[in-house]
PDB file of N, CA and C in Angstrom:
ATOM      1  N   PRO A   1     -10.464 -43.151 125.668  1.00  0.00           N
ATOM      2  CA  PRO A   1      -9.169 -42.944 126.320  1.00  0.00           C
ATOM      3  C   PRO A   1      -9.326 -42.848 127.840  1.00  0.00           C
ATOM      4  N   PRO A   2      -8.297 -43.210 128.559  1.00  0.00           N
ATOM      5  CA  PRO A   2      -8.354 -43.120 130.023  1.00  0.00           C
ATOM      6  C   PRO A   2      -8.613 -41.682 130.490  1.00  0.00           C
ATOM      7  N   ASN A   3      -9.376 -41.574 131.552  1.00  0.00           N
ATOM      8  CA  ASN A   3      -9.716 -40.259 132.082  1.00  0.00           C
ATOM      9  C   ASN A   3      -9.956 -40.378 133.575  1.00  0.00           C
ATOM     10  N   ARG A   4      -9.355 -39.486 134.335  1.00  0.00           N
ATOM     11  CA  ARG A   4      -9.644 -39.344 135.762  1.00  0.00           C
ATOM     12  C   ARG A   4     -10.225 -37.956 135.954  1.00  0.00           C
ATOM     13  N   ALA A   5     -11.252 -37.854 136.805  1.00  0.00           N
ATOM     14  CA  ALA A   5     -11.981 -36.594 136.895  1.00  0.00           C
ATOM     15  C   ALA A   5     -12.367 -36.255 138.322  1.00  0.00           C
ATOM     16  N   VAL A   6     -12.486 -34.960 138.584  1.00  0.00           N
ATOM     17  CA  VAL A   6     -13.114 -34.450 139.794  1.00  0.00           C
ATOM     18  C   VAL A   6     -14.584 -34.274 139.408  1.00  0.00           C
ATOM     19  N   VAL A   7     -15.477 -35.095 139.985  1.00  0.00           N
ATOM     20  CA  VAL A   7     -16.875 -35.072 139.568  1.00  0.00           C
ATOM     21  C   VAL A   7     -17.790 -34.308 140.516  1.00  0.00           C
ATOM     22  N   ASP A   8     -17.302 -33.978 141.710  1.00  0.00           N
ATOM     23  CA  ASP A   8     -18.118 -33.205 142.651  1.00  0.00           C
ATOM     24  C   ASP A   8     -17.205 -32.589 143.699  1.00  0.00           C
ATOM     25  N   VAL A   9     -17.539 -31.378 144.128  1.00  0.00           N
ATOM     26  CA  VAL A   9     -16.825 -30.692 145.205  1.00  0.00           C
ATOM     27  C   VAL A   9     -17.867 -30.009 146.085  1.00  0.00           C
ATOM     28  N   VAL A  10     -17.767 -30.255 147.399  1.00  0.00           N
ATOM     29  CA  VAL A  10     -18.696 -29.643 148.350  1.00  0.00           C
ATOM     30  C   VAL A  10     -17.876 -28.979 149.448  1.00  0.00           C
ATOM     31  N   ALA A  11     -18.128 -27.697 149.665  1.00  0.00           N
ATOM     32  CA  ALA A  11     -17.488 -26.962 150.757  1.00  0.00           C
ATOM     33  C   ALA A  11     -18.540 -26.691 151.828  1.00  0.00           C
ATOM     34  N   ALA A  12     -18.148 -26.843 153.095  1.00  0.00           N
ATOM     35  CA  ALA A  12     -19.088 -26.640 154.196  1.00  0.00           C
ATOM     36  C   ALA A  12     -18.347 -26.071 155.396  1.00  0.00           C
ATOM     37  N   PRO A  13     -19.056 -25.341 156.253  1.00  0.00           N
ATOM     38  CA  PRO A  13     -18.429 -24.847 157.474  1.00  0.00           C
ATOM     39  C   PRO A  13     -17.976 -26.014 158.349  1.00  0.00           C
ATOM     40  N   ALA A  14     -16.882 -25.811 159.064  1.00  0.00           N
ATOM     41  CA  ALA A  14     -16.375 -26.801 160.023  1.00  0.00           C
ATOM     42  C   ALA A  14     -16.092 -26.085 161.340  1.00  0.00           C
ATOM     43  N   PRO A  15     -17.142 -25.769 162.092  1.00  0.00           N
ATOM     44  CA  PRO A  15     -16.958 -25.009 163.332  1.00  0.00           C
ATOM     45  C   PRO A  15     -16.041 -25.695 164.328  1.00  0.00           C
ATOM     46  N   GLU A  16     -15.916 -27.034 164.242  1.00  0.00           N
ATOM     47  CA  GLU A  16     -15.024 -27.744 165.156  1.00  0.00           C
ATOM     48  C   GLU A  16     -13.562 -27.393 164.916  1.00  0.00           C
ATOM     49  N   SER A  17     -13.258 -26.791 163.746  1.00  0.00           N
ATOM     50  CA  SER A  17     -11.893 -26.356 163.434  1.00  0.00           C
ATOM     51  C   SER A  17     -11.627 -24.930 163.886  1.00  0.00           C
ATOM     52  N   GLY A  18     -12.621 -24.302 164.493  1.00  0.00           N
ATOM     53  CA  GLY A  18     -12.466 -22.934 164.959  1.00  0.00           C
ATOM     54  C   GLY A  18     -13.072 -21.944 163.975  1.00  0.00           C
ATOM     55  N   PRO A  19     -12.985 -20.657 164.298  1.00  0.00           N
ATOM     56  CA  PRO A  19     -13.537 -19.634 163.405  1.00  0.00           C
ATOM     57  C   PRO A  19     -12.881 -19.719 162.024  1.00  0.00           C
ATOM     58  N   GLY A  20     -13.707 -19.683 160.988  1.00  0.00           N
ATOM     59  CA  GLY A  20     -13.191 -19.750 159.624  1.00  0.00           C
ATOM     60  C   GLY A  20     -12.906 -21.154 159.139  1.00  0.00           C
ATOM     61  N   GLY A  21     -13.182 -22.181 159.954  1.00  0.00           N
ATOM     62  CA  GLY A  21     -12.910 -23.552 159.553  1.00  0.00           C
ATOM     63  C   GLY A  21     -13.880 -24.036 158.485  1.00  0.00           C
ATOM     64  N   ILE A  22     -13.345 -24.715 157.480  1.00  0.00           N
ATOM     65  CA  ILE A  22     -14.173 -25.301 156.429  1.00  0.00           C
ATOM     66  C   ILE A  22     -13.677 -26.714 156.105  1.00  0.00           C
ATOM     67  N   THR A  23     -14.579 -27.519 155.561  1.00  0.00           N
ATOM     68  CA  THR A  23     -14.194 -28.786 154.950  1.00  0.00           C
ATOM     69  C   THR A  23     -14.507 -28.674 153.467  1.00  0.00           C
ATOM     70  N   VAL A  24     -13.666 -29.277 152.668  1.00  0.00           N
ATOM     71  CA  VAL A  24     -13.893 -29.358 151.231  1.00  0.00           C
ATOM     72  C   VAL A  24     -13.765 -30.833 150.872  1.00  0.00           C
ATOM     73  N   THR A  25     -14.861 -31.425 150.408  1.00  0.00           N
ATOM     74  CA  THR A  25     -14.866 -32.838 150.046  1.00  0.00           C
ATOM     75  C   THR A  25     -15.033 -32.960 148.537  1.00  0.00           C
ATOM     76  N   ALA A  26     -14.119 -33.704 147.927  1.00  0.00           N
ATOM     77  CA  ALA A  26     -14.159 -33.918 146.484  1.00  0.00           C
ATOM     78  C   ALA A  26     -14.428 -35.377 146.190  1.00  0.00           C
ATOM     79  N   GLU A  27     -15.262 -35.628 145.189  1.00  0.00           N
ATOM     80  CA  GLU A  27     -15.464 -36.978 144.691  1.00  0.00           C
ATOM     81  C   GLU A  27     -14.675 -37.102 143.395  1.00  0.00           C
ATOM     82  N   LEU A  28     -13.836 -38.136 143.331  1.00  0.00           N
ATOM     83  CA  LEU A  28     -12.960 -38.368 142.189  1.00  0.00           C
ATOM     84  C   LEU A  28     -13.387 -39.658 141.511  1.00  0.00           C
ATOM     85  N   ALA A  29     -13.262 -39.711 140.187  1.00  0.00           N
ATOM     86  CA  ALA A  29     -13.672 -40.908 139.449  1.00  0.00           C
ATOM     87  C   ALA A  29     -12.618 -41.282 138.429  1.00  0.00           C
ATOM     88  N   ASP A  30     -12.507 -42.589 138.180  1.00  0.00           N
ATOM     89  CA  ASP A  30     -11.609 -43.110 137.159  1.00  0.00           C
ATOM     90  C   ASP A  30     -12.457 -43.729 136.055  1.00  0.00           C
ATOM     91  N   PHE A  31     -12.198 -43.322 134.823  1.00  0.00           N
ATOM     92  CA  PHE A  31     -12.923 -43.846 133.672  1.00  0.00           C
ATOM     93  C   PHE A  31     -11.923 -44.499 132.725  1.00  0.00           C
ATOM     94  N   GLY A  32     -11.754 -45.797 132.844  1.00  0.00           N
ATOM     95  CA  GLY A  32     -10.997 -46.523 131.842  1.00  0.00           C
ATOM     96  C   GLY A  32      -9.548 -46.821 132.091  1.00  0.00           C
ATOM     97  N   HIS A  33      -8.991 -46.520 133.239  1.00  0.00           N
ATOM     98  CA  HIS A  33      -7.605 -46.908 133.501  1.00  0.00           C
ATOM     99  C   HIS A  33      -7.564 -48.385 133.869  1.00  0.00           C
ATOM    100  N   GLY A  34      -6.479 -49.033 133.556  1.00  0.00           N
ATOM    101  CA  GLY A  34      -6.372 -50.465 133.794  1.00  0.00           C
ATOM    102  C   GLY A  34      -5.956 -50.857 135.191  1.00  0.00           C
ATOM    103  N   ALA A  35      -5.499 -49.941 136.013  1.00  0.00           N
ATOM    104  CA  ALA A  35      -5.012 -50.293 137.343  1.00  0.00           C
ATOM    105  C   ALA A  35      -5.320 -49.174 138.330  1.00  0.00           C
ATOM    106  N   ALA A  36      -5.428 -49.550 139.606  1.00  0.00           N
ATOM    107  CA  ALA A  36      -5.610 -48.556 140.657  1.00  0.00           C
ATOM    108  C   ALA A  36      -4.367 -47.678 140.732  1.00  0.00           C
ATOM    109  N   ALA A  37      -4.544 -46.480 141.234  1.00  0.00           N
ATOM    110  CA  ALA A  37      -3.412 -45.561 141.318  1.00  0.00           C
ATOM    111  C   ALA A  37      -3.508 -44.712 142.574  1.00  0.00           C
ATOM    112  N   THR A  38      -2.357 -44.356 143.107  1.00  0.00           N
ATOM    113  CA  THR A  38      -2.289 -43.352 144.156  1.00  0.00           C
ATOM    114  C   THR A  38      -1.987 -42.043 143.459  1.00  0.00           C
ATOM    115  N   LEU A  39      -2.928 -41.104 143.550  1.00  0.00           N
ATOM    116  CA  LEU A  39      -2.812 -39.849 142.805  1.00  0.00           C
ATOM    117  C   LEU A  39      -2.648 -38.663 143.734  1.00  0.00           C
ATOM    118  N   PRO A  40      -1.839 -37.683 143.328  1.00  0.00           N
ATOM    119  CA  PRO A  40      -1.802 -36.436 144.087  1.00  0.00           C
ATOM    120  C   PRO A  40      -3.072 -35.638 143.800  1.00  0.00           C
ATOM    121  N   VAL A  41      -3.568 -34.986 144.812  1.00  0.00           N
ATOM    122  CA  VAL A  41      -4.740 -34.129 144.670  1.00  0.00           C
ATOM    123  C   VAL A  41      -4.458 -32.860 145.466  1.00  0.00           C
ATOM    124  N   SER A  42      -4.876 -31.718 144.925  1.00  0.00           N
ATOM    125  CA  SER A  42      -4.583 -30.464 145.619  1.00  0.00           C
ATOM    126  C   SER A  42      -5.838 -29.622 145.782  1.00  0.00           C
ATOM    127  N   LEU A  43      -5.820 -28.798 146.826  1.00  0.00           N
ATOM    128  CA  LEU A  43      -6.886 -27.854 147.127  1.00  0.00           C
ATOM    129  C   LEU A  43      -6.333 -26.452 146.963  1.00  0.00           C
ATOM    130  N   ALA A  44      -7.009 -25.655 146.141  1.00  0.00           N
ATOM    131  CA  ALA A  44      -6.643 -24.245 145.979  1.00  0.00           C
ATOM    132  C   ALA A  44      -7.837 -23.393 146.379  1.00  0.00           C
ATOM    133  N   ILE A  45      -7.551 -22.310 147.054  1.00  0.00           N
ATOM    134  CA  ILE A  45      -8.575 -21.338 147.409  1.00  0.00           C
ATOM    135  C   ILE A  45      -8.135 -20.004 146.840  1.00  0.00           C
ATOM    136  N   ASP A  46      -9.015 -19.429 146.018  1.00  0.00           N
ATOM    137  CA  ASP A  46      -8.725 -18.168 145.339  1.00  0.00           C
ATOM    138  C   ASP A  46      -7.417 -18.232 144.559  1.00  0.00           C
ATOM    139  N   GLY A  47      -7.171 -19.380 143.909  1.00  0.00           N
ATOM    140  CA  GLY A  47      -6.004 -19.546 143.051  1.00  0.00           C
ATOM    141  C   GLY A  47      -4.715 -19.920 143.746  1.00  0.00           C
ATOM    142  N   GLN A  48      -4.714 -20.032 145.063  1.00  0.00           N
ATOM    143  CA  GLN A  48      -3.503 -20.380 145.794  1.00  0.00           C
ATOM    144  C   GLN A  48      -3.653 -21.775 146.400  1.00  0.00           C
ATOM    145  N   VAL A  49      -2.714 -22.680 146.093  1.00  0.00           N
ATOM    146  CA  VAL A  49      -2.756 -24.029 146.656  1.00  0.00           C
ATOM    147  C   VAL A  49      -2.510 -23.931 148.157  1.00  0.00           C
ATOM    148  N   VAL A  50      -3.467 -24.480 148.921  1.00  0.00           N
ATOM    149  CA  VAL A  50      -3.365 -24.424 150.387  1.00  0.00           C
ATOM    150  C   VAL A  50      -3.168 -25.805 151.006  1.00  0.00           C
ATOM    151  N   ALA A  51      -3.371 -26.872 150.215  1.00  0.00           N
ATOM    152  CA  ALA A  51      -3.181 -28.230 150.736  1.00  0.00           C
ATOM    153  C   ALA A  51      -2.935 -29.196 149.589  1.00  0.00           C
ATOM    154  N   LYS A  52      -2.100 -30.208 149.874  1.00  0.00           N
ATOM    155  CA  LYS A  52      -1.839 -31.287 148.931  1.00  0.00           C
ATOM    156  C   LYS A  52      -1.956 -32.600 149.683  1.00  0.00           C
ATOM    157  N   ALA A  53      -2.435 -33.625 148.991  1.00  0.00           N
ATOM    158  CA  ALA A  53      -2.591 -34.948 149.595  1.00  0.00           C
ATOM    159  C   ALA A  53      -2.524 -35.985 148.483  1.00  0.00           C
ATOM    160  N   SER A  54      -2.743 -37.229 148.847  1.00  0.00           N
ATOM    161  CA  SER A  54      -2.841 -38.280 147.842  1.00  0.00           C
ATOM    162  C   SER A  54      -4.085 -39.101 148.140  1.00  0.00           C
ATOM    163  N   VAL A  55      -4.575 -39.773 147.112  1.00  0.00           N
ATOM    164  CA  VAL A  55      -5.783 -40.583 147.244  1.00  0.00           C
ATOM    165  C   VAL A  55      -5.616 -41.850 146.420  1.00  0.00           C
ATOM    166  N   GLU A  56      -6.107 -42.971 146.955  1.00  0.00           N
ATOM    167  CA  GLU A  56      -6.138 -44.245 146.233  1.00  0.00           C
ATOM    168  C   GLU A  56      -7.386 -44.231 145.370  1.00  0.00           C
ATOM    169  N   LEU A  57      -7.215 -44.271 144.060  1.00  0.00           N
ATOM    170  CA  LEU A  57      -8.351 -44.272 143.147  1.00  0.00           C
ATOM    171  C   LEU A  57      -8.370 -45.602 142.403  1.00  0.00           C
ATOM    172  N   PRO A  58      -9.362 -46.461 142.701  1.00  0.00           N
ATOM    173  CA  PRO A  58      -9.407 -47.766 142.044  1.00  0.00           C
ATOM    174  C   PRO A  58      -9.744 -47.642 140.559  1.00  0.00           C
ATOM    175  N   ALA A  59      -9.245 -48.559 139.758  1.00  0.00           N
ATOM    176  CA  ALA A  59      -9.546 -48.581 138.328  1.00  0.00           C
ATOM    177  C   ALA A  59     -11.052 -48.691 138.136  1.00  0.00           C
ATOM    178  N   GLY A  60     -11.616 -47.773 137.357  1.00  0.00           N
ATOM    179  CA  GLY A  60     -13.044 -47.787 137.096  1.00  0.00           C
ATOM    180  C   GLY A  60     -13.898 -47.425 138.289  1.00  0.00           C
ATOM    181  N   GLY A  61     -13.294 -46.914 139.356  1.00  0.00           N
ATOM    182  CA  GLY A  61     -14.029 -46.639 140.591  1.00  0.00           C
ATOM    183  C   GLY A  61     -14.042 -45.172 140.969  1.00  0.00           C
ATOM    184  N   ARG A  62     -14.460 -44.943 142.193  1.00  0.00           N
ATOM    185  CA  ARG A  62     -14.556 -43.589 142.753  1.00  0.00           C
ATOM    186  C   ARG A  62     -13.921 -43.553 144.132  1.00  0.00           C
ATOM    187  N   ALA A  63     -13.524 -42.357 144.532  1.00  0.00           N
ATOM    188  CA  ALA A  63     -12.961 -42.145 145.861  1.00  0.00           C
ATOM    189  C   ALA A  63     -13.322 -40.735 146.312  1.00  0.00           C
ATOM    190  N   ARG A  64     -13.303 -40.529 147.609  1.00  0.00           N
ATOM    191  CA  ARG A  64     -13.548 -39.193 148.180  1.00  0.00           C
ATOM    192  C   ARG A  64     -12.307 -38.747 148.937  1.00  0.00           C
ATOM    193  N   LYS A  65     -12.052 -37.455 148.874  1.00  0.00           N
ATOM    194  CA  LYS A  65     -10.970 -36.847 149.650  1.00  0.00           C
ATOM    195  C   LYS A  65     -11.538 -35.629 150.344  1.00  0.00           C
ATOM    196  N   THR A  66     -11.330 -35.551 151.660  1.00  0.00           N
ATOM    197  CA  THR A  66     -11.787 -34.395 152.429  1.00  0.00           C
ATOM    198  C   THR A  66     -10.586 -33.609 152.919  1.00  0.00           C
ATOM    199  N   PHE A  67     -10.621 -32.321 152.650  1.00  0.00           N
ATOM    200  CA  PHE A  67      -9.604 -31.390 153.132  1.00  0.00           C
ATOM    201  C   PHE A  67     -10.211 -30.551 154.247  1.00  0.00           C
ATOM    202  N   PHE A  68      -9.384 -30.177 155.218  1.00  0.00           N
ATOM    203  CA  PHE A  68      -9.776 -29.251 156.275  1.00  0.00           C
ATOM    204  C   PHE A  68      -8.898 -28.015 156.126  1.00  0.00           C
ATOM    205  N   HIS A  69      -9.519 -26.839 156.218  1.00  0.00           N
ATOM    206  CA  HIS A  69      -8.765 -25.595 156.063  1.00  0.00           C
ATOM    207  C   HIS A  69      -9.405 -24.547 156.963  1.00  0.00           C
ATOM    208  N   VAL A  70      -8.594 -23.618 157.442  1.00  0.00           N
ATOM    209  CA  VAL A  70      -9.089 -22.507 158.246  1.00  0.00           C
ATOM    210  C   VAL A  70      -8.787 -21.218 157.496  1.00  0.00           C
ATOM    211  N   LEU A  71      -9.852 -20.491 157.163  1.00  0.00           N
ATOM    212  CA  LEU A  71      -9.706 -19.188 156.507  1.00  0.00           C
ATOM    213  C   LEU A  71      -9.291 -18.164 157.555  1.00  0.00           C
ATOM    214  N   GLY A  72      -8.446 -17.240 157.167  1.00  0.00           N
ATOM    215  CA  GLY A  72      -8.017 -16.183 158.081  1.00  0.00           C
ATOM    216  C   GLY A  72      -9.147 -15.217 158.383  1.00  0.00           C
ATOM    217  N   ALA A  73      -8.980 -14.452 159.445  1.00  0.00           N
ATOM    218  CA  ALA A  73     -10.007 -13.498 159.862  1.00  0.00           C
ATOM    219  C   ALA A  73     -10.315 -12.478 158.769  1.00  0.00           C
ATOM    220  N   ASP A  74      -9.330 -12.161 157.938  1.00  0.00           N
ATOM    221  CA  ASP A  74      -9.534 -11.178 156.868  1.00  0.00           C
ATOM    222  C   ASP A  74     -10.021 -11.830 155.572  1.00  0.00           C
ATOM    223  N   GLU A  75     -10.390 -13.122 155.626  1.00  0.00           N
ATOM    224  CA  GLU A  75     -10.800 -13.861 154.426  1.00  0.00           C
ATOM    225  C   GLU A  75     -12.289 -14.191 154.411  1.00  0.00           C
ATOM    226  N   SER A  76     -13.113 -13.396 155.101  1.00  0.00           N
ATOM    227  CA  SER A  76     -14.544 -13.680 155.084  1.00  0.00           C
ATOM    228  C   SER A  76     -15.119 -13.341 153.713  1.00  0.00           C
ATOM    229  N   GLY A  77     -16.260 -13.923 153.400  1.00  0.00           N
ATOM    230  CA  GLY A  77     -16.913 -13.657 152.125  1.00  0.00           C
ATOM    231  C   GLY A  77     -16.864 -14.848 151.191  1.00  0.00           C
ATOM    232  N   THR A  78     -17.019 -14.583 149.911  1.00  0.00           N
ATOM    233  CA  THR A  78     -17.068 -15.627 148.893  1.00  0.00           C
ATOM    234  C   THR A  78     -15.676 -15.954 148.385  1.00  0.00           C
ATOM    235  N   HIS A  79     -15.436 -17.254 148.129  1.00  0.00           N
ATOM    236  CA  HIS A  79     -14.132 -17.716 147.655  1.00  0.00           C
ATOM    237  C   HIS A  79     -14.301 -18.694 146.503  1.00  0.00           C
ATOM    238  N   VAL A  80     -13.283 -18.771 145.660  1.00  0.00           N
ATOM    239  CA  VAL A  80     -13.228 -19.767 144.597  1.00  0.00           C
ATOM    240  C   VAL A  80     -12.453 -20.952 145.147  1.00  0.00           C
ATOM    241  N   VAL A  81     -13.100 -22.126 145.175  1.00  0.00           N
ATOM    242  CA  VAL A  81     -12.498 -23.351 145.700  1.00  0.00           C
ATOM    243  C   VAL A  81     -12.272 -24.296 144.537  1.00  0.00           C
ATOM    244  N   ASP A  82     -11.057 -24.835 144.435  1.00  0.00           N
ATOM    245  CA  ASP A  82     -10.705 -25.705 143.320  1.00  0.00           C
ATOM    246  C   ASP A  82      -9.963 -26.923 143.838  1.00  0.00           C
ATOM    247  N   VAL A  83     -10.421 -28.110 143.454  1.00  0.00           N
ATOM    248  CA  VAL A  83      -9.723 -29.354 143.750  1.00  0.00           C
ATOM    249  C   VAL A  83      -9.246 -29.900 142.422  1.00  0.00           C
ATOM    250  N   SER A  84      -7.966 -30.304 142.344  1.00  0.00           N
ATOM    251  CA  SER A  84      -7.449 -30.751 141.051  1.00  0.00           C
ATOM    252  C   SER A  84      -6.600 -32.011 141.168  1.00  0.00           C
ATOM    253  N   LEU A  85      -6.598 -32.741 140.050  1.00  0.00           N
ATOM    254  CA  LEU A  85      -5.801 -33.950 139.849  1.00  0.00           C
ATOM    255  C   LEU A  85      -4.749 -33.657 138.792  1.00  0.00           C
ATOM    256  N   PRO A  86      -3.751 -34.533 138.623  1.00  0.00           N
ATOM    257  CA  PRO A  86      -2.801 -34.355 137.531  1.00  0.00           C
ATOM    258  C   PRO A  86      -3.536 -34.374 136.186  1.00  0.00           C
ATOM    259  N   GLY A  87      -3.037 -33.623 135.234  1.00  0.00           N
ATOM    260  CA  GLY A  87      -3.678 -33.518 133.933  1.00  0.00           C
ATOM    261  C   GLY A  87      -3.685 -34.812 133.145  1.00  0.00           C
ATOM    262  N   ASP A  88      -4.703 -34.946 132.284  1.00  0.00           N
ATOM    263  CA  ASP A  88      -4.785 -36.071 131.361  1.00  0.00           C
ATOM    264  C   ASP A  88      -5.334 -35.548 130.028  1.00  0.00           C
ATOM    265  N   ASP A  89      -5.825 -36.440 129.175  1.00  0.00           N
ATOM    266  CA  ASP A  89      -6.311 -36.034 127.854  1.00  0.00           C
ATOM    267  C   ASP A  89      -7.590 -35.193 127.899  1.00  0.00           C
ATOM    268  N   PHE A  90      -8.247 -35.119 129.056  1.00  0.00           N
ATOM    269  CA  PHE A  90      -9.476 -34.335 129.228  1.00  0.00           C
ATOM    270  C   PHE A  90      -9.264 -33.312 130.336  1.00  0.00           C
ATOM    271  N   PRO A  91      -8.579 -32.208 130.058  1.00  0.00           N
ATOM    272  CA  PRO A  91      -8.193 -31.273 131.121  1.00  0.00           C
ATOM    273  C   PRO A  91      -9.352 -30.535 131.800  1.00  0.00           C
ATOM    274  N   LEU A  92     -10.518 -30.442 131.184  1.00  0.00           N
ATOM    275  CA  LEU A  92     -11.605 -29.694 131.790  1.00  0.00           C
ATOM    276  C   LEU A  92     -12.122 -30.301 133.088  1.00  0.00           C
ATOM    277  N   ASP A  93     -11.956 -31.604 133.276  1.00  0.00           N
ATOM    278  CA  ASP A  93     -12.481 -32.237 134.483  1.00  0.00           C
ATOM    279  C   ASP A  93     -11.402 -32.622 135.483  1.00  0.00           C
ATOM    280  N   ASP A  94     -10.171 -32.147 135.269  1.00  0.00           N
ATOM    281  CA  ASP A  94      -9.074 -32.475 136.170  1.00  0.00           C
ATOM    282  C   ASP A  94      -9.064 -31.561 137.378  1.00  0.00           C
TER     283      ASP A  94
END
């Protein structure tokens, strides 16, 4: 069955964005869809969506999406970062 997945997520400091700046880059993959699609993709930090965008994902291919975000001064420490796609038949990798 067709499946689109988030296959990798990397978060890194982005000092050029100022104090608390980070980049979050996600690698997205398409397994078995018949046509390319423009898909919504969202970034959540600690369960709260902080950014939404779209990405062109070719049929049977891969794409990368990079988000830029600035954490507030009171948000230092460890965070849960989540990048998600619309749901499909395999929700664990969305």
